[in-house]
Amino acid sequence: MKMIHTLGMNTQRITISMPNYLYEQLLALAGKGNVSGFVTEATEAKILNKAVAAKNDPVDAFFALRKIAPRRTNKQILEAIRKGRE
């Protein structure tokens, strides 16, 4: 799932600490101006994976995912499907 990070979203600024080698790899992968979006996307994926993994029943896991995943309009869903088919 790819999240689009924008200033218009309800956001919270945080300060984190990480080893220098990891920060250098982060900059190399994301680029200096894209660190926040990259970290947000990675954090969201990790949280979703942990939430789904905590459920033993696939149906319960699906409904848990629906509760924590961002809401999308039908138009956004169709645009994502079309983009994925390109």
PDB file of N, CA and C in Angstrom:
ATOM      1  N   MET A   1       0.851  -1.160   0.000  1.00  0.00           N
ATOM      2  CA  MET A   1       0.000   0.000   0.000  1.00  0.00           C
ATOM      3  C   MET A   1       0.901   1.227   0.000  1.00  0.00           C
ATOM      4  N   LYS A   2       0.646   2.140  -0.889  1.00  0.00           N
ATOM      5  CA  LYS A   2       1.441   3.348  -0.956  1.00  0.00           C
ATOM      6  C   LYS A   2       0.605   4.507  -0.464  1.00  0.00           C
ATOM      7  N   MET A   3       1.094   5.174   0.560  1.00  0.00           N
ATOM      8  CA  MET A   3       0.395   6.316   1.103  1.00  0.00           C
ATOM      9  C   MET A   3       0.972   7.593   0.506  1.00  0.00           C
ATOM     10  N   ILE A   4       0.127   8.521   0.164  1.00  0.00           N
ATOM     11  CA  ILE A   4       0.595   9.790  -0.354  1.00  0.00           C
ATOM     12  C   ILE A   4       0.692  10.752   0.815  1.00  0.00           C
ATOM     13  N   HIS A   5       1.893  11.236   1.065  1.00  0.00           N
ATOM     14  CA  HIS A   5       2.153  12.115   2.200  1.00  0.00           C
ATOM     15  C   HIS A   5       2.057  13.561   1.739  1.00  0.00           C
ATOM     16  N   THR A   6       1.141  14.311   2.317  1.00  0.00           N
ATOM     17  CA  THR A   6       0.988  15.710   1.957  1.00  0.00           C
ATOM     18  C   THR A   6       0.847  16.557   3.208  1.00  0.00           C
ATOM     19  N   LEU A   7       1.093  17.836   3.059  1.00  0.00           N
ATOM     20  CA  LEU A   7       0.953  18.747   4.186  1.00  0.00           C
ATOM     21  C   LEU A   7      -0.502  18.932   4.587  1.00  0.00           C
ATOM     22  N   GLY A   8      -1.435  18.652   3.691  1.00  0.00           N
ATOM     23  CA  GLY A   8      -2.841  18.814   3.988  1.00  0.00           C
ATOM     24  C   GLY A   8      -3.394  17.758   4.928  1.00  0.00           C
ATOM     25  N   MET A   9      -2.629  16.711   5.153  1.00  0.00           N
ATOM     26  CA  MET A   9      -3.094  15.634   6.024  1.00  0.00           C
ATOM     27  C   MET A   9      -2.969  16.053   7.482  1.00  0.00           C
ATOM     28  N   ASN A  10      -3.721  15.409   8.340  1.00  0.00           N
ATOM     29  CA  ASN A  10      -3.586  15.611   9.765  1.00  0.00           C
ATOM     30  C   ASN A  10      -2.285  14.927  10.184  1.00  0.00           C
ATOM     31  N   THR A  11      -1.268  15.698  10.522  1.00  0.00           N
ATOM     32  CA  THR A  11       0.050  15.136  10.800  1.00  0.00           C
ATOM     33  C   THR A  11       0.551  15.519  12.179  1.00  0.00           C
ATOM     34  N   GLN A  12       1.552  14.797  12.628  1.00  0.00           N
ATOM     35  CA  GLN A  12       2.217  15.053  13.905  1.00  0.00           C
ATOM     36  C   GLN A  12       3.720  15.042  13.660  1.00  0.00           C
ATOM     37  N   ARG A  13       4.397  16.104  14.021  1.00  0.00           N
ATOM     38  CA  ARG A  13       5.856  16.143  13.882  1.00  0.00           C
ATOM     39  C   ARG A  13       6.481  15.361  15.032  1.00  0.00           C
ATOM     40  N   ILE A  14       7.499  14.559  14.707  1.00  0.00           N
ATOM     41  CA  ILE A  14       8.197  13.803  15.733  1.00  0.00           C
ATOM     42  C   ILE A  14       9.697  13.915  15.498  1.00  0.00           C
ATOM     43  N   THR A  15      10.452  13.596  16.517  1.00  0.00           N
ATOM     44  CA  THR A  15      11.902  13.502  16.413  1.00  0.00           C
ATOM     45  C   THR A  15      12.278  12.072  16.745  1.00  0.00           C
ATOM     46  N   ILE A  16      13.085  11.474  15.899  1.00  0.00           N
ATOM     47  CA  ILE A  16      13.520  10.096  16.151  1.00  0.00           C
ATOM     48  C   ILE A  16      15.038  10.038  16.131  1.00  0.00           C
ATOM     49  N   SER A  17      15.566   8.998  16.714  1.00  0.00           N
ATOM     50  CA  SER A  17      17.004   8.736  16.677  1.00  0.00           C
ATOM     51  C   SER A  17      17.216   7.394  16.012  1.00  0.00           C
ATOM     52  N   MET A  18      18.260   7.319  15.185  1.00  0.00           N
ATOM     53  CA  MET A  18      18.607   6.054  14.539  1.00  0.00           C
ATOM     54  C   MET A  18      20.111   6.034  14.315  1.00  0.00           C
ATOM     55  N   PRO A  19      20.683   4.855  14.153  1.00  0.00           N
ATOM     56  CA  PRO A  19      22.117   4.766  13.888  1.00  0.00           C
ATOM     57  C   PRO A  19      22.483   5.498  12.594  1.00  0.00           C
ATOM     58  N   ASN A  20      23.682   6.061  12.560  1.00  0.00           N
ATOM     59  CA  ASN A  20      24.141   6.814  11.395  1.00  0.00           C
ATOM     60  C   ASN A  20      24.095   5.990  10.111  1.00  0.00           C
ATOM     61  N   TYR A  21      24.520   4.725  10.187  1.00  0.00           N
ATOM     62  CA  TYR A  21      24.537   3.907   8.977  1.00  0.00           C
ATOM     63  C   TYR A  21      23.137   3.748   8.403  1.00  0.00           C
ATOM     64  N   LEU A  22      22.137   3.642   9.267  1.00  0.00           N
ATOM     65  CA  LEU A  22      20.762   3.497   8.817  1.00  0.00           C
ATOM     66  C   LEU A  22      20.249   4.806   8.215  1.00  0.00           C
ATOM     67  N   TYR A  23      20.611   5.913   8.832  1.00  0.00           N
ATOM     68  CA  TYR A  23      20.210   7.220   8.304  1.00  0.00           C
ATOM     69  C   TYR A  23      20.813   7.454   6.924  1.00  0.00           C
ATOM     70  N   GLU A  24      22.070   7.071   6.741  1.00  0.00           N
ATOM     71  CA  GLU A  24      22.720   7.229   5.432  1.00  0.00           C
ATOM     72  C   GLU A  24      22.009   6.384   4.371  1.00  0.00           C
ATOM     73  N   GLN A  25      21.622   5.176   4.732  1.00  0.00           N
ATOM     74  CA  GLN A  25      20.882   4.323   3.794  1.00  0.00           C
ATOM     75  C   GLN A  25      19.516   4.918   3.486  1.00  0.00           C
ATOM     76  N   LEU A  26      18.867   5.484   4.497  1.00  0.00           N
ATOM     77  CA  LEU A  26      17.577   6.129   4.306  1.00  0.00           C
ATOM     78  C   LEU A  26      17.691   7.290   3.329  1.00  0.00           C
ATOM     79  N   LEU A  27      18.687   8.133   3.503  1.00  0.00           N
ATOM     80  CA  LEU A  27      18.894   9.249   2.583  1.00  0.00           C
ATOM     81  C   LEU A  27      19.181   8.766   1.167  1.00  0.00           C
ATOM     82  N   ALA A  28      19.966   7.706   1.055  1.00  0.00           N
ATOM     83  CA  ALA A  28      20.301   7.178  -0.270  1.00  0.00           C
ATOM     84  C   ALA A  28      19.058   6.636  -0.980  1.00  0.00           C
ATOM     85  N   LEU A  29      18.179   5.994  -0.242  1.00  0.00           N
ATOM     86  CA  LEU A  29      16.967   5.416  -0.843  1.00  0.00           C
ATOM     87  C   LEU A  29      15.877   6.450  -1.094  1.00  0.00           C
ATOM     88  N   ALA A  30      15.628   7.298  -0.114  1.00  0.00           N
ATOM     89  CA  ALA A  30      14.484   8.203  -0.192  1.00  0.00           C
ATOM     90  C   ALA A  30      14.841   9.558  -0.796  1.00  0.00           C
ATOM     91  N   GLY A  31      16.061   9.993  -0.618  1.00  0.00           N
ATOM     92  CA  GLY A  31      16.431  11.344  -1.029  1.00  0.00           C
ATOM     93  C   GLY A  31      16.114  12.318   0.090  1.00  0.00           C
ATOM     94  N   LYS A  32      16.878  13.377   0.172  1.00  0.00           N
ATOM     95  CA  LYS A  32      16.776  14.298   1.304  1.00  0.00           C
ATOM     96  C   LYS A  32      15.375  14.887   1.491  1.00  0.00           C
ATOM     97  N   GLY A  33      14.684  15.223   0.442  1.00  0.00           N
ATOM     98  CA  GLY A  33      13.373  15.838   0.566  1.00  0.00           C
ATOM     99  C   GLY A  33      12.217  14.871   0.755  1.00  0.00           C
ATOM    100  N   ASN A  34      12.508  13.580   0.766  1.00  0.00           N
ATOM    101  CA  ASN A  34      11.429  12.583   0.818  1.00  0.00           C
ATOM    102  C   ASN A  34      11.496  11.683   2.042  1.00  0.00           C
ATOM    103  N   VAL A  35      12.304  12.041   3.021  1.00  0.00           N
ATOM    104  CA  VAL A  35      12.503  11.187   4.190  1.00  0.00           C
ATOM    105  C   VAL A  35      11.204  11.002   4.972  1.00  0.00           C
ATOM    106  N   SER A  36      10.475  12.074   5.208  1.00  0.00           N
ATOM    107  CA  SER A  36       9.250  11.989   5.993  1.00  0.00           C
ATOM    108  C   SER A  36       8.232  11.046   5.352  1.00  0.00           C
ATOM    109  N   GLY A  37       8.019  11.191   4.059  1.00  0.00           N
ATOM    110  CA  GLY A  37       7.080  10.318   3.365  1.00  0.00           C
ATOM    111  C   GLY A  37       7.525   8.867   3.374  1.00  0.00           C
ATOM    112  N   PHE A  38       8.832   8.646   3.196  1.00  0.00           N
ATOM    113  CA  PHE A  38       9.374   7.298   3.195  1.00  0.00           C
ATOM    114  C   PHE A  38       9.184   6.632   4.560  1.00  0.00           C
ATOM    115  N   VAL A  39       9.511   7.361   5.623  1.00  0.00           N
ATOM    116  CA  VAL A  39       9.373   6.820   6.979  1.00  0.00           C
ATOM    117  C   VAL A  39       7.901   6.589   7.306  1.00  0.00           C
ATOM    118  N   THR A  40       7.032   7.489   6.885  1.00  0.00           N
ATOM    119  CA  THR A  40       5.594   7.331   7.112  1.00  0.00           C
ATOM    120  C   THR A  40       5.078   6.068   6.432  1.00  0.00           C
ATOM    121  N   GLU A  41       5.468   5.883   5.175  1.00  0.00           N
ATOM    122  CA  GLU A  41       5.021   4.703   4.432  1.00  0.00           C
ATOM    123  C   GLU A  41       5.534   3.415   5.072  1.00  0.00           C
ATOM    124  N   ALA A  42       6.797   3.404   5.472  1.00  0.00           N
ATOM    125  CA  ALA A  42       7.382   2.212   6.099  1.00  0.00           C
ATOM    126  C   ALA A  42       6.719   1.914   7.444  1.00  0.00           C
ATOM    127  N   THR A  43       6.451   2.949   8.216  1.00  0.00           N
ATOM    128  CA  THR A  43       5.808   2.775   9.514  1.00  0.00           C
ATOM    129  C   THR A  43       4.385   2.260   9.346  1.00  0.00           C
ATOM    130  N   GLU A  44       3.666   2.822   8.391  1.00  0.00           N
ATOM    131  CA  GLU A  44       2.301   2.375   8.138  1.00  0.00           C
ATOM    132  C   GLU A  44       2.276   0.896   7.742  1.00  0.00           C
ATOM    133  N   ALA A  45       3.186   0.496   6.863  1.00  0.00           N
ATOM    134  CA  ALA A  45       3.240  -0.902   6.429  1.00  0.00           C
ATOM    135  C   ALA A  45       3.539  -1.826   7.604  1.00  0.00           C
ATOM    136  N   LYS A  46       4.456  -1.431   8.461  1.00  0.00           N
ATOM    137  CA  LYS A  46       4.823  -2.253   9.623  1.00  0.00           C
ATOM    138  C   LYS A  46       3.641  -2.383  10.588  1.00  0.00           C
ATOM    139  N   ILE A  47       2.955  -1.279  10.844  1.00  0.00           N
ATOM    140  CA  ILE A  47       1.803  -1.304  11.749  1.00  0.00           C
ATOM    141  C   ILE A  47       0.696  -2.179  11.182  1.00  0.00           C
ATOM    142  N   LEU A  48       0.401  -2.040   9.900  1.00  0.00           N
ATOM    143  CA  LEU A  48      -0.640  -2.858   9.281  1.00  0.00           C
ATOM    144  C   LEU A  48      -0.281  -4.335   9.327  1.00  0.00           C
ATOM    145  N   ASN A  49       0.986  -4.659   9.035  1.00  0.00           N
ATOM    146  CA  ASN A  49       1.418  -6.061   9.079  1.00  0.00           C
ATOM    147  C   ASN A  49       1.287  -6.643  10.473  1.00  0.00           C
ATOM    148  N   LYS A  50       1.667  -5.887  11.482  1.00  0.00           N
ATOM    149  CA  LYS A  50       1.558  -6.382  12.857  1.00  0.00           C
ATOM    150  C   LYS A  50       0.103  -6.546  13.277  1.00  0.00           C
ATOM    151  N   ALA A  51      -0.752  -5.615  12.872  1.00  0.00           N
ATOM    152  CA  ALA A  51      -2.167  -5.700  13.229  1.00  0.00           C
ATOM    153  C   ALA A  51      -2.820  -6.918  12.584  1.00  0.00           C
ATOM    154  N   VAL A  52      -2.492  -7.176  11.332  1.00  0.00           N
ATOM    155  CA  VAL A  52      -3.063  -8.326  10.625  1.00  0.00           C
ATOM    156  C   VAL A  52      -2.477  -9.624  11.172  1.00  0.00           C
ATOM    157  N   ALA A  53      -1.186  -9.645  11.459  1.00  0.00           N
ATOM    158  CA  ALA A  53      -0.542 -10.854  11.970  1.00  0.00           C
ATOM    159  C   ALA A  53      -1.085 -11.241  13.340  1.00  0.00           C
ATOM    160  N   ALA A  54      -1.567 -10.275  14.100  1.00  0.00           N
ATOM    161  CA  ALA A  54      -2.087 -10.553  15.433  1.00  0.00           C
ATOM    162  C   ALA A  54      -3.419 -11.299  15.388  1.00  0.00           C
ATOM    163  N   LYS A  55      -4.057 -11.295  14.245  1.00  0.00           N
ATOM    164  CA  LYS A  55      -5.350 -11.970  14.099  1.00  0.00           C
ATOM    165  C   LYS A  55      -5.136 -13.376  13.537  1.00  0.00           C
ATOM    166  N   ASN A  56      -5.769 -14.375  14.152  1.00  0.00           N
ATOM    167  CA  ASN A  56      -5.649 -15.750  13.660  1.00  0.00           C
ATOM    168  C   ASN A  56      -6.681 -16.046  12.581  1.00  0.00           C
ATOM    169  N   ASP A  57      -7.841 -15.458  12.684  1.00  0.00           N
ATOM    170  CA  ASP A  57      -8.919 -15.690  11.739  1.00  0.00           C
ATOM    171  C   ASP A  57      -8.792 -14.705  10.574  1.00  0.00           C
ATOM    172  N   PRO A  58      -8.702 -15.185   9.324  1.00  0.00           N
ATOM    173  CA  PRO A  58      -8.549 -14.274   8.187  1.00  0.00           C
ATOM    174  C   PRO A  58      -9.677 -13.262   8.050  1.00  0.00           C
ATOM    175  N   VAL A  59     -10.891 -13.645   8.405  1.00  0.00           N
ATOM    176  CA  VAL A  59     -12.019 -12.715   8.323  1.00  0.00           C
ATOM    177  C   VAL A  59     -11.838 -11.599   9.352  1.00  0.00           C
ATOM    178  N   ASP A  60     -11.459 -11.963  10.575  1.00  0.00           N
ATOM    179  CA  ASP A  60     -11.194 -10.951  11.600  1.00  0.00           C
ATOM    180  C   ASP A  60     -10.042 -10.046  11.174  1.00  0.00           C
ATOM    181  N   ALA A  61      -9.030 -10.634  10.552  1.00  0.00           N
ATOM    182  CA  ALA A  61      -7.884  -9.842  10.087  1.00  0.00           C
ATOM    183  C   ALA A  61      -8.329  -8.834   9.031  1.00  0.00           C
ATOM    184  N   PHE A  62      -9.205  -9.251   8.134  1.00  0.00           N
ATOM    185  CA  PHE A  62      -9.708  -8.347   7.103  1.00  0.00           C
ATOM    186  C   PHE A  62     -10.460  -7.171   7.727  1.00  0.00           C
ATOM    187  N   PHE A  63     -11.353  -7.460   8.662  1.00  0.00           N
ATOM    188  CA  PHE A  63     -12.120  -6.382   9.287  1.00  0.00           C
ATOM    189  C   PHE A  63     -11.233  -5.484  10.146  1.00  0.00           C
ATOM    190  N   ALA A  64     -10.210  -6.047  10.783  1.00  0.00           N
ATOM    191  CA  ALA A  64      -9.268  -5.226  11.552  1.00  0.00           C
ATOM    192  C   ALA A  64      -8.503  -4.292  10.621  1.00  0.00           C
ATOM    193  N   LEU A  65      -8.132  -4.800   9.462  1.00  0.00           N
ATOM    194  CA  LEU A  65      -7.422  -3.988   8.480  1.00  0.00           C
ATOM    195  C   LEU A  65      -8.311  -2.848   7.995  1.00  0.00           C
ATOM    196  N   ARG A  66      -9.564  -3.130   7.770  1.00  0.00           N
ATOM    197  CA  ARG A  66     -10.505  -2.084   7.328  1.00  0.00           C
ATOM    198  C   ARG A  66     -10.641  -0.981   8.370  1.00  0.00           C
ATOM    199  N   LYS A  67     -10.533  -1.341   9.649  1.00  0.00           N
ATOM    200  CA  LYS A  67     -10.685  -0.340  10.712  1.00  0.00           C
ATOM    201  C   LYS A  67      -9.491   0.600  10.793  1.00  0.00           C
ATOM    202  N   ILE A  68      -8.296   0.116  10.469  1.00  0.00           N
ATOM    203  CA  ILE A  68      -7.100   0.949  10.649  1.00  0.00           C
ATOM    204  C   ILE A  68      -6.547   1.518   9.350  1.00  0.00           C
ATOM    205  N   ALA A  69      -6.972   0.985   8.224  1.00  0.00           N
ATOM    206  CA  ALA A  69      -6.480   1.489   6.935  1.00  0.00           C
ATOM    207  C   ALA A  69      -7.170   2.816   6.616  1.00  0.00           C
ATOM    208  N   PRO A  70      -6.456   3.699   5.909  1.00  0.00           N
ATOM    209  CA  PRO A  70      -7.089   4.973   5.549  1.00  0.00           C
ATOM    210  C   PRO A  70      -8.299   4.759   4.642  1.00  0.00           C
ATOM    211  N   ARG A  71      -9.314   5.566   4.819  1.00  0.00           N
ATOM    212  CA  ARG A  71     -10.515   5.493   3.988  1.00  0.00           C
ATOM    213  C   ARG A  71     -10.210   6.067   2.611  1.00  0.00           C
ATOM    214  N   ARG A  72     -10.731   5.437   1.595  1.00  0.00           N
ATOM    215  CA  ARG A  72     -10.554   5.888   0.216  1.00  0.00           C
ATOM    216  C   ARG A  72     -11.921   5.989  -0.444  1.00  0.00           C
ATOM    217  N   THR A  73     -12.064   6.970  -1.331  1.00  0.00           N
ATOM    218  CA  THR A  73     -13.308   7.099  -2.085  1.00  0.00           C
ATOM    219  C   THR A  73     -13.280   6.086  -3.232  1.00  0.00           C
ATOM    220  N   ASN A  74     -14.451   5.837  -3.814  1.00  0.00           N
ATOM    221  CA  ASN A  74     -14.511   4.940  -4.970  1.00  0.00           C
ATOM    222  C   ASN A  74     -13.647   5.467  -6.104  1.00  0.00           C
ATOM    223  N   LYS A  75     -13.643   6.781  -6.288  1.00  0.00           N
ATOM    224  CA  LYS A  75     -12.839   7.392  -7.339  1.00  0.00           C
ATOM    225  C   LYS A  75     -11.349   7.118  -7.106  1.00  0.00           C
ATOM    226  N   GLN A  76     -10.872   7.263  -5.860  1.00  0.00           N
ATOM    227  CA  GLN A  76      -9.463   6.987  -5.547  1.00  0.00           C
ATOM    228  C   GLN A  76      -9.121   5.518  -5.798  1.00  0.00           C
ATOM    229  N   ILE A  77     -10.024   4.632  -5.439  1.00  0.00           N
ATOM    230  CA  ILE A  77      -9.796   3.196  -5.636  1.00  0.00           C
ATOM    231  C   ILE A  77      -9.691   2.874  -7.121  1.00  0.00           C
ATOM    232  N   LEU A  78     -10.616   3.404  -7.917  1.00  0.00           N
ATOM    233  CA  LEU A  78     -10.586   3.152  -9.357  1.00  0.00           C
ATOM    234  C   LEU A  78      -9.331   3.735 -10.004  1.00  0.00           C
ATOM    235  N   GLU A  79      -8.895   4.924  -9.574  1.00  0.00           N
ATOM    236  CA  GLU A  79      -7.668   5.517 -10.098  1.00  0.00           C
ATOM    237  C   GLU A  79      -6.459   4.648  -9.764  1.00  0.00           C
ATOM    238  N   ALA A  80      -6.424   4.104  -8.551  1.00  0.00           N
ATOM    239  CA  ALA A  80      -5.312   3.236  -8.145  1.00  0.00           C
ATOM    240  C   ALA A  80      -5.297   1.948  -8.971  1.00  0.00           C
ATOM    241  N   ILE A  81      -6.481   1.388  -9.230  1.00  0.00           N
ATOM    242  CA  ILE A  81      -6.573   0.171 -10.052  1.00  0.00           C
ATOM    243  C   ILE A  81      -6.070   0.456 -11.462  1.00  0.00           C
ATOM    244  N   ARG A  82      -6.519   1.567 -12.031  1.00  0.00           N
ATOM    245  CA  ARG A  82      -6.066   1.923 -13.389  1.00  0.00           C
ATOM    246  C   ARG A  82      -4.555   2.145 -13.426  1.00  0.00           C
ATOM    247  N   LYS A  83      -4.038   2.814 -12.420  1.00  0.00           N
ATOM    248  CA  LYS A  83      -2.591   3.062 -12.365  1.00  0.00           C
ATOM    249  C   LYS A  83      -1.821   1.739 -12.252  1.00  0.00           C
ATOM    250  N   GLY A  84      -2.366   0.817 -11.473  1.00  0.00           N
ATOM    251  CA  GLY A  84      -1.711  -0.474 -11.293  1.00  0.00           C
ATOM    252  C   GLY A  84      -1.706  -1.317 -12.557  1.00  0.00           C
ATOM    253  N   ARG A  85      -2.645  -1.070 -13.447  1.00  0.00           N
ATOM    254  CA  ARG A  85      -2.733  -1.821 -14.698  1.00  0.00           C
ATOM    255  C   ARG A  85      -1.821  -1.252 -15.782  1.00  0.00           C
ATOM    256  N   GLU A  86      -1.277  -0.064 -15.578  1.00  0.00           N
ATOM    257  CA  GLU A  86      -0.425   0.563 -16.592  1.00  0.00           C
ATOM    258  C   GLU A  86       0.894  -0.159 -16.717  1.00  0.00           C
TER     259      GLU A  86
END
